[in-house]
Amino acid sequence: LFNSGQEGFLIKAGDGEALVAHSLDLLGDANKRRHC
């Protein structure tokens, strides 16, 4: 459905650390969030 790094991010099932890390990346950068 989408390309990781372009429309969002794909993570491994159960990987809560990656979920949080990518969320910090997007929520902390309004320009990146608008681009995605």
PDB file of all heavy atoms in Angstrom:
ATOM      1  N   LEU A   1       0.797  -1.220   0.000  1.00  0.00           N
ATOM      2  CA  LEU A   1       0.000   0.000   0.000  1.00  0.00           C
ATOM      3  C   LEU A   1       0.832   1.274   0.000  1.00  0.00           C
ATOM      4  O   LEU A   1       0.401   2.287  -0.544  1.00  0.00           O
ATOM      5  CB  LEU A   1      -0.940   0.016   1.219  1.00  0.00           C
ATOM      6  CG  LEU A   1      -2.042  -1.043   1.237  1.00  0.00           C
ATOM      7  CD1 LEU A   1      -2.864  -0.931   2.512  1.00  0.00           C
ATOM      8  CD2 LEU A   1      -2.930  -0.915   0.007  1.00  0.00           C
ATOM      9  N   PHE A   2       2.007   1.251   0.638  1.00  0.00           N
ATOM     10  CA  PHE A   2       2.804   2.471   0.676  1.00  0.00           C
ATOM     11  C   PHE A   2       4.273   2.133   0.824  1.00  0.00           C
ATOM     12  O   PHE A   2       4.651   0.999   1.147  1.00  0.00           O
ATOM     13  CB  PHE A   2       2.329   3.401   1.801  1.00  0.00           C
ATOM     14  CG  PHE A   2       2.617   2.929   3.198  1.00  0.00           C
ATOM     15  CD1 PHE A   2       3.759   3.343   3.875  1.00  0.00           C
ATOM     16  CD2 PHE A   2       1.737   2.075   3.863  1.00  0.00           C
ATOM     17  CE1 PHE A   2       4.018   2.924   5.175  1.00  0.00           C
ATOM     18  CE2 PHE A   2       1.975   1.662   5.163  1.00  0.00           C
ATOM     19  CZ  PHE A   2       3.128   2.081   5.814  1.00  0.00           C
ATOM     20  N   ASN A   3       5.097   3.115   0.546  1.00  0.00           N
ATOM     21  CA  ASN A   3       6.546   2.960   0.570  1.00  0.00           C
ATOM     22  C   ASN A   3       7.095   3.508   1.880  1.00  0.00           C
ATOM     23  O   ASN A   3       6.887   4.681   2.212  1.00  0.00           O
ATOM     24  CB  ASN A   3       7.176   3.721  -0.606  1.00  0.00           C
ATOM     25  CG  ASN A   3       6.650   3.227  -1.934  1.00  0.00           C
ATOM     26  OD1 ASN A   3       6.863   2.088  -2.304  1.00  0.00           O
ATOM     27  ND2 ASN A   3       5.939   4.097  -2.646  1.00  0.00           N
ATOM     28  N   SER A   4       7.786   2.658   2.613  1.00  0.00           N
ATOM     29  CA  SER A   4       8.351   3.088   3.888  1.00  0.00           C
ATOM     30  C   SER A   4       9.362   4.202   3.656  1.00  0.00           C
ATOM     31  O   SER A   4      10.263   4.091   2.812  1.00  0.00           O
ATOM     32  CB  SER A   4       9.026   1.904   4.588  1.00  0.00           C
ATOM     33  OG  SER A   4       9.377   2.247   5.913  1.00  0.00           O
ATOM     34  N   GLY A   5       9.192   5.295   4.398  1.00  0.00           N
ATOM     35  CA  GLY A   5      10.062   6.454   4.236  1.00  0.00           C
ATOM     36  C   GLY A   5       9.463   7.530   3.356  1.00  0.00           C
ATOM     37  O   GLY A   5       9.993   8.643   3.292  1.00  0.00           O
ATOM     38  N   GLN A   6       8.354   7.228   2.672  1.00  0.00           N
ATOM     39  CA  GLN A   6       7.705   8.227   1.819  1.00  0.00           C
ATOM     40  C   GLN A   6       6.339   8.636   2.356  1.00  0.00           C
ATOM     41  O   GLN A   6       6.127   9.789   2.709  1.00  0.00           O
ATOM     42  CB  GLN A   6       7.571   7.694   0.390  1.00  0.00           C
ATOM     43  CG  GLN A   6       8.900   7.452  -0.296  1.00  0.00           C
ATOM     44  CD  GLN A   6       8.730   7.028  -1.749  1.00  0.00           C
ATOM     45  OE1 GLN A   6       7.748   7.344  -2.407  1.00  0.00           O
ATOM     46  NE2 GLN A   6       9.700   6.284  -2.259  1.00  0.00           N
ATOM     47  N   GLU A   7       5.419   7.682   2.425  1.00  0.00           N
ATOM     48  CA  GLU A   7       4.093   7.982   2.968  1.00  0.00           C
ATOM     49  C   GLU A   7       3.993   7.682   4.462  1.00  0.00           C
ATOM     50  O   GLU A   7       2.963   7.923   5.082  1.00  0.00           O
ATOM     51  CB  GLU A   7       3.018   7.186   2.224  1.00  0.00           C
ATOM     52  CG  GLU A   7       2.878   7.538   0.750  1.00  0.00           C
ATOM     53  CD  GLU A   7       3.811   6.748  -0.157  1.00  0.00           C
ATOM     54  OE1 GLU A   7       4.495   5.835   0.350  1.00  0.00           O
ATOM     55  OE2 GLU A   7       3.858   7.036  -1.361  1.00  0.00           O
ATOM     56  N   GLY A   8       5.040   7.145   5.012  1.00  0.00           N
ATOM     57  CA  GLY A   8       5.075   6.758   6.418  1.00  0.00           C
ATOM     58  C   GLY A   8       6.192   5.771   6.628  1.00  0.00           C
ATOM     59  O   GLY A   8       7.206   5.795   5.920  1.00  0.00           O
ATOM     60  N   PHE A   9       6.001   4.848   7.580  1.00  0.00           N
ATOM     61  CA  PHE A   9       7.048   3.870   7.880  1.00  0.00           C
ATOM     62  C   PHE A   9       6.432   2.507   8.143  1.00  0.00           C
ATOM     63  O   PHE A   9       5.368   2.390   8.772  1.00  0.00           O
ATOM     64  CB  PHE A   9       7.865   4.300   9.097  1.00  0.00           C
ATOM     65  CG  PHE A   9       8.689   5.536   8.881  1.00  0.00           C
ATOM     66  CD1 PHE A   9       8.212   6.781   9.277  1.00  0.00           C
ATOM     67  CD2 PHE A   9       9.925   5.451   8.255  1.00  0.00           C
ATOM     68  CE1 PHE A   9       8.959   7.923   9.068  1.00  0.00           C
ATOM     69  CE2 PHE A   9      10.687   6.598   8.038  1.00  0.00           C
ATOM     70  CZ  PHE A   9      10.200   7.835   8.446  1.00  0.00           C
ATOM     71  N   LEU A  10       7.134   1.458   7.690  1.00  0.00           N
ATOM     72  CA  LEU A  10       6.790   0.079   8.008  1.00  0.00           C
ATOM     73  C   LEU A  10       7.705  -0.397   9.128  1.00  0.00           C
ATOM     74  O   LEU A  10       8.905  -0.095   9.136  1.00  0.00           O
ATOM     75  CB  LEU A  10       6.963  -0.817   6.787  1.00  0.00           C
ATOM     76  CG  LEU A  10       5.966  -0.607   5.644  1.00  0.00           C
ATOM     77  CD1 LEU A  10       6.469  -1.274   4.367  1.00  0.00           C
ATOM     78  CD2 LEU A  10       4.592  -1.145   6.016  1.00  0.00           C
ATOM     79  N   ILE A  11       7.135  -1.154  10.074  1.00  0.00           N
ATOM     80  CA  ILE A  11       7.915  -1.708  11.167  1.00  0.00           C
ATOM     81  C   ILE A  11       7.595  -3.189  11.303  1.00  0.00           C
ATOM     82  O   ILE A  11       6.617  -3.682  10.729  1.00  0.00           O
ATOM     83  CB  ILE A  11       7.601  -0.988  12.504  1.00  0.00           C
ATOM     84  CG1 ILE A  11       6.132  -1.183  12.878  1.00  0.00           C
ATOM     85  CG2 ILE A  11       7.965   0.494  12.420  1.00  0.00           C
ATOM     86  CD1 ILE A  11       5.768  -0.683  14.254  1.00  0.00           C
ATOM     87  N   LYS A  12       8.413  -3.912  12.032  1.00  0.00           N
ATOM     88  CA  LYS A  12       8.151  -5.317  12.300  1.00  0.00           C
ATOM     89  C   LYS A  12       7.029  -5.453  13.331  1.00  0.00           C
ATOM     90  O   LYS A  12       6.889  -4.626  14.225  1.00  0.00           O
ATOM     91  CB  LYS A  12       9.417  -6.010  12.818  1.00  0.00           C
ATOM     92  CG  LYS A  12      10.567  -6.032  11.814  1.00  0.00           C
ATOM     93  CD  LYS A  12      10.207  -6.836  10.574  1.00  0.00           C
ATOM     94  CE  LYS A  12      11.370  -6.887   9.595  1.00  0.00           C
ATOM     95  NZ  LYS A  12      10.991  -7.601   8.336  1.00  0.00           N
ATOM     96  N   ALA A  13       6.254  -6.515  13.207  1.00  0.00           N
ATOM     97  CA  ALA A  13       5.191  -6.764  14.181  1.00  0.00           C
ATOM     98  C   ALA A  13       5.782  -6.866  15.584  1.00  0.00           C
ATOM     99  O   ALA A  13       6.806  -7.522  15.788  1.00  0.00           O
ATOM    100  CB  ALA A  13       4.432  -8.041  13.817  1.00  0.00           C
ATOM    101  N   GLY A  14       5.169  -6.199  16.530  1.00  0.00           N
ATOM    102  CA  GLY A  14       5.612  -6.243  17.914  1.00  0.00           C
ATOM    103  C   GLY A  14       6.727  -5.280  18.265  1.00  0.00           C
ATOM    104  O   GLY A  14       7.133  -5.220  19.434  1.00  0.00           O
ATOM    105  N   ASP A  15       7.224  -4.520  17.308  1.00  0.00           N
ATOM    106  CA  ASP A  15       8.373  -3.637  17.552  1.00  0.00           C
ATOM    107  C   ASP A  15       7.901  -2.272  18.041  1.00  0.00           C
ATOM    108  O   ASP A  15       7.807  -1.306  17.279  1.00  0.00           O
ATOM    109  CB  ASP A  15       9.210  -3.496  16.273  1.00  0.00           C
ATOM    110  CG  ASP A  15      10.565  -2.847  16.530  1.00  0.00           C
ATOM    111  OD1 ASP A  15      10.758  -2.274  17.623  1.00  0.00           O
ATOM    112  OD2 ASP A  15      11.432  -2.916  15.642  1.00  0.00           O
ATOM    113  N   GLY A  16       7.609  -2.186  19.328  1.00  0.00           N
ATOM    114  CA  GLY A  16       7.144  -0.940  19.904  1.00  0.00           C
ATOM    115  C   GLY A  16       8.203   0.155  19.882  1.00  0.00           C
ATOM    116  O   GLY A  16       7.874   1.339  19.743  1.00  0.00           O
ATOM    117  N   GLU A  17       9.467  -0.224  20.000  1.00  0.00           N
ATOM    118  CA  GLU A  17      10.537   0.786  19.986  1.00  0.00           C
ATOM    119  C   GLU A  17      10.586   1.502  18.642  1.00  0.00           C
ATOM    120  O   GLU A  17      10.738   2.732  18.594  1.00  0.00           O
ATOM    121  CB  GLU A  17      11.883   0.124  20.290  1.00  0.00           C
ATOM    122  CG  GLU A  17      12.010  -0.360  21.731  1.00  0.00           C
ATOM    123  CD  GLU A  17      13.400  -0.906  22.019  1.00  0.00           C
ATOM    124  OE1 GLU A  17      14.266  -0.852  21.104  1.00  0.00           O
ATOM    125  OE2 GLU A  17      13.634  -1.381  23.141  1.00  0.00           O
ATOM    126  N   ALA A  18      10.471   0.751  17.546  1.00  0.00           N
ATOM    127  CA  ALA A  18      10.477   1.374  16.218  1.00  0.00           C
ATOM    128  C   ALA A  18       9.244   2.247  16.028  1.00  0.00           C
ATOM    129  O   ALA A  18       9.309   3.327  15.421  1.00  0.00           O
ATOM    130  CB  ALA A  18      10.542   0.306  15.131  1.00  0.00           C
ATOM    131  N   LEU A  19       8.097   1.799  16.552  1.00  0.00           N
ATOM    132  CA  LEU A  19       6.867   2.591  16.450  1.00  0.00           C
ATOM    133  C   LEU A  19       7.050   3.944  17.126  1.00  0.00           C
ATOM    134  O   LEU A  19       6.698   4.994  16.566  1.00  0.00           O
ATOM    135  CB  LEU A  19       5.717   1.808  17.096  1.00  0.00           C
ATOM    136  CG  LEU A  19       4.324   2.438  17.085  1.00  0.00           C
ATOM    137  CD1 LEU A  19       3.877   2.785  15.680  1.00  0.00           C
ATOM    138  CD2 LEU A  19       3.316   1.489  17.728  1.00  0.00           C
ATOM    139  N   VAL A  20       7.648   3.940  18.297  1.00  0.00           N
ATOM    140  CA  VAL A  20       7.867   5.196  19.021  1.00  0.00           C
ATOM    141  C   VAL A  20       8.912   6.055  18.320  1.00  0.00           C
ATOM    142  O   VAL A  20       8.737   7.270  18.165  1.00  0.00           O
ATOM    143  CB  VAL A  20       8.286   4.897  20.473  1.00  0.00           C
ATOM    144  CG1 VAL A  20       8.715   6.179  21.189  1.00  0.00           C
ATOM    145  CG2 VAL A  20       7.135   4.231  21.219  1.00  0.00           C
ATOM    146  N   ALA A  21      10.001   5.446  17.869  1.00  0.00           N
ATOM    147  CA  ALA A  21      11.080   6.211  17.233  1.00  0.00           C
ATOM    148  C   ALA A  21      10.598   6.917  15.975  1.00  0.00           C
ATOM    149  O   ALA A  21      10.872   8.107  15.759  1.00  0.00           O
ATOM    150  CB  ALA A  21      12.255   5.285  16.907  1.00  0.00           C
ATOM    151  N   HIS A  22       9.866   6.211  15.116  1.00  0.00           N
ATOM    152  CA  HIS A  22       9.356   6.840  13.892  1.00  0.00           C
ATOM    153  C   HIS A  22       8.300   7.895  14.213  1.00  0.00           C
ATOM    154  O   HIS A  22       8.194   8.914  13.507  1.00  0.00           O
ATOM    155  CB  HIS A  22       8.779   5.790  12.958  1.00  0.00           C
ATOM    156  CG  HIS A  22       9.810   4.931  12.291  1.00  0.00           C
ATOM    157  ND1 HIS A  22      10.879   5.455  11.590  1.00  0.00           N
ATOM    158  CD2 HIS A  22       9.928   3.574  12.205  1.00  0.00           C
ATOM    159  CE1 HIS A  22      11.611   4.463  11.093  1.00  0.00           C
ATOM    160  NE2 HIS A  22      11.066   3.326  11.464  1.00  0.00           N
ATOM    161  N   SER A  23       7.531   7.672  15.268  1.00  0.00           N
ATOM    162  CA  SER A  23       6.532   8.666  15.660  1.00  0.00           C
ATOM    163  C   SER A  23       7.206   9.954  16.118  1.00  0.00           C
ATOM    164  O   SER A  23       6.763  11.062  15.775  1.00  0.00           O
ATOM    165  CB  SER A  23       5.649   8.103  16.769  1.00  0.00           C
ATOM    166  OG  SER A  23       4.938   6.973  16.321  1.00  0.00           O
ATOM    167  N   LEU A  24       8.280   9.827  16.903  1.00  0.00           N
ATOM    168  CA  LEU A  24       9.023  11.016  17.320  1.00  0.00           C
ATOM    169  C   LEU A  24       9.587  11.762  16.122  1.00  0.00           C
ATOM    170  O   LEU A  24       9.571  13.003  16.072  1.00  0.00           O
ATOM    171  CB  LEU A  24      10.151  10.606  18.271  1.00  0.00           C
ATOM    172  CG  LEU A  24       9.741  10.199  19.688  1.00  0.00           C
ATOM    173  CD1 LEU A  24      10.909   9.551  20.419  1.00  0.00           C
ATOM    174  CD2 LEU A  24       9.219  11.415  20.460  1.00  0.00           C
ATOM    175  N   ASP A  25      10.058  11.007  15.140  1.00  0.00           N
ATOM    176  CA  ASP A  25      10.615  11.607  13.931  1.00  0.00           C
ATOM    177  C   ASP A  25       9.566  12.447  13.214  1.00  0.00           C
ATOM    178  O   ASP A  25       9.824  13.588  12.800  1.00  0.00           O
ATOM    179  CB  ASP A  25      11.135  10.491  13.025  1.00  0.00           C
ATOM    180  CG  ASP A  25      11.846  11.030  11.790  1.00  0.00           C
ATOM    181  OD1 ASP A  25      12.368  12.160  11.839  1.00  0.00           O
ATOM    182  OD2 ASP A  25      11.878  10.311  10.770  1.00  0.00           O
ATOM    183  N   LEU A  26       8.358  11.898  13.061  1.00  0.00           N
ATOM    184  CA  LEU A  26       7.313  12.591  12.307  1.00  0.00           C
ATOM    185  C   LEU A  26       6.647  13.698  13.132  1.00  0.00           C
ATOM    186  O   LEU A  26       6.416  14.803  12.629  1.00  0.00           O
ATOM    187  CB  LEU A  26       6.261  11.594  11.842  1.00  0.00           C
ATOM    188  CG  LEU A  26       6.681  10.678  10.689  1.00  0.00           C
ATOM    189  CD1 LEU A  26       5.688   9.540  10.502  1.00  0.00           C
ATOM    190  CD2 LEU A  26       6.801  11.480   9.385  1.00  0.00           C
ATOM    191  N   LEU A  27       6.326  13.402  14.376  1.00  0.00           N
ATOM    192  CA  LEU A  27       5.630  14.394  15.181  1.00  0.00           C
ATOM    193  C   LEU A  27       6.530  15.562  15.572  1.00  0.00           C
ATOM    194  O   LEU A  27       6.042  16.664  15.850  1.00  0.00           O
ATOM    195  CB  LEU A  27       5.049  13.738  16.433  1.00  0.00           C
ATOM    196  CG  LEU A  27       3.957  12.698  16.185  1.00  0.00           C
ATOM    197  CD1 LEU A  27       3.547  12.020  17.490  1.00  0.00           C
ATOM    198  CD2 LEU A  27       2.749  13.318  15.493  1.00  0.00           C
ATOM    199  N   GLY A  28       7.832  15.321  15.573  1.00  0.00           N
ATOM    200  CA  GLY A  28       8.769  16.377  15.919  1.00  0.00           C
ATOM    201  C   GLY A  28       9.194  17.240  14.757  1.00  0.00           C
ATOM    202  O   GLY A  28       9.948  18.202  14.936  1.00  0.00           O
ATOM    203  N   ASP A  29       8.735  16.936  13.547  1.00  0.00           N
ATOM    204  CA  ASP A  29       9.165  17.675  12.354  1.00  0.00           C
ATOM    205  C   ASP A  29       7.930  17.949  11.498  1.00  0.00           C
ATOM    206  O   ASP A  29       7.479  17.096  10.728  1.00  0.00           O
ATOM    207  CB  ASP A  29      10.191  16.858  11.574  1.00  0.00           C
ATOM    208  CG  ASP A  29      10.833  17.634  10.429  1.00  0.00           C
ATOM    209  OD1 ASP A  29      10.176  18.550   9.895  1.00  0.00           O
ATOM    210  OD2 ASP A  29      11.971  17.288  10.046  1.00  0.00           O
ATOM    211  N   ALA A  30       7.370  19.152  11.627  1.00  0.00           N
ATOM    212  CA  ALA A  30       6.129  19.483  10.915  1.00  0.00           C
ATOM    213  C   ALA A  30       6.302  19.429   9.399  1.00  0.00           C
ATOM    214  O   ALA A  30       5.386  19.010   8.683  1.00  0.00           O
ATOM    215  CB  ALA A  30       5.643  20.870  11.345  1.00  0.00           C
ATOM    216  N   ASN A  31       7.460  19.837   8.902  1.00  0.00           N
ATOM    217  CA  ASN A  31       7.677  19.799   7.452  1.00  0.00           C
ATOM    218  C   ASN A  31       7.700  18.368   6.928  1.00  0.00           C
ATOM    219  O   ASN A  31       7.100  18.062   5.889  1.00  0.00           O
ATOM    220  CB  ASN A  31       8.990  20.509   7.091  1.00  0.00           C
ATOM    221  CG  ASN A  31       8.881  22.009   7.215  1.00  0.00           C
ATOM    222  OD1 ASN A  31       7.799  22.581   7.037  1.00  0.00           O
ATOM    223  ND2 ASN A  31       9.988  22.665   7.537  1.00  0.00           N
ATOM    224  N   LYS A  32       8.372  17.484   7.639  1.00  0.00           N
ATOM    225  CA  LYS A  32       8.403  16.083   7.220  1.00  0.00           C
ATOM    226  C   LYS A  32       7.007  15.489   7.284  1.00  0.00           C
ATOM    227  O   LYS A  32       6.599  14.725   6.408  1.00  0.00           O
ATOM    228  CB  LYS A  32       9.362  15.289   8.106  1.00  0.00           C
ATOM    229  CG  LYS A  32       9.444  13.805   7.751  1.00  0.00           C
ATOM    230  CD  LYS A  32      10.464  13.071   8.609  1.00  0.00           C
ATOM    231  CE  LYS A  32      11.880  13.435   8.221  1.00  0.00           C
ATOM    232  NZ  LYS A  32      12.886  12.570   8.914  1.00  0.00           N
ATOM    233  N   ARG A  33       6.266  15.849   8.317  1.00  0.00           N
ATOM    234  CA  ARG A  33       4.911  15.325   8.473  1.00  0.00           C
ATOM    235  C   ARG A  33       4.019  15.798   7.317  1.00  0.00           C
ATOM    236  O   ARG A  33       3.245  15.021   6.766  1.00  0.00           O
ATOM    237  CB  ARG A  33       4.345  15.773   9.825  1.00  0.00           C
ATOM    238  CG  ARG A  33       3.133  15.008  10.264  1.00  0.00           C
ATOM    239  CD  ARG A  33       2.844  15.229  11.735  1.00  0.00           C
ATOM    240  NE  ARG A  33       2.520  16.605  12.080  1.00  0.00           N
ATOM    241  CZ  ARG A  33       3.298  17.412  12.787  1.00  0.00           C
ATOM    242  NH1 ARG A  33       4.469  16.970  13.223  1.00  0.00           N
ATOM    243  NH2 ARG A  33       2.928  18.646  13.067  1.00  0.00           N
ATOM    244  N   ARG A  34       4.135  17.056   6.939  1.00  0.00           N
ATOM    245  CA  ARG A  34       3.338  17.568   5.818  1.00  0.00           C
ATOM    246  C   ARG A  34       3.720  16.891   4.519  1.00  0.00           C
ATOM    247  O   ARG A  34       2.865  16.568   3.682  1.00  0.00           O
ATOM    248  CB  ARG A  34       3.508  19.085   5.702  1.00  0.00           C
ATOM    249  CG  ARG A  34       2.689  19.872   6.720  1.00  0.00           C
ATOM    250  CD  ARG A  34       2.656  21.344   6.353  1.00  0.00           C
ATOM    251  NE  ARG A  34       3.978  21.949   6.488  1.00  0.00           N
ATOM    252  CZ  ARG A  34       4.404  22.540   7.595  1.00  0.00           C
ATOM    253  NH1 ARG A  34       3.633  22.589   8.670  1.00  0.00           N
ATOM    254  NH2 ARG A  34       5.609  23.083   7.633  1.00  0.00           N
ATOM    255  N   HIS A  35       5.012  16.647   4.316  1.00  0.00           N
ATOM    256  CA  HIS A  35       5.471  15.971   3.095  1.00  0.00           C
ATOM    257  C   HIS A  35       4.902  14.555   3.016  1.00  0.00           C
ATOM    258  O   HIS A  35       4.407  14.129   1.972  1.00  0.00           O
ATOM    259  CB  HIS A  35       6.999  15.939   3.079  1.00  0.00           C
ATOM    260  CG  HIS A  35       7.564  15.184   1.912  1.00  0.00           C
ATOM    261  ND1 HIS A  35       7.673  15.721   0.647  1.00  0.00           N
ATOM    262  CD2 HIS A  35       8.039  13.901   1.817  1.00  0.00           C
ATOM    263  CE1 HIS A  35       8.184  14.819  -0.165  1.00  0.00           C
ATOM    264  NE2 HIS A  35       8.409  13.713   0.511  1.00  0.00           N
ATOM    265  N   CYS A  36       4.971  13.817   4.127  1.00  0.00           N
ATOM    266  CA  CYS A  36       4.428  12.453   4.149  1.00  0.00           C
ATOM    267  C   CYS A  36       2.919  12.465   3.956  1.00  0.00           C
ATOM    268  O   CYS A  36       2.362  11.586   3.287  1.00  0.00           O
ATOM    269  CB  CYS A  36       4.773  11.764   5.463  1.00  0.00           C
ATOM    270  SG  CYS A  36       6.492  11.227   5.604  1.00  0.00           S
TER     271      CYS A  36
END
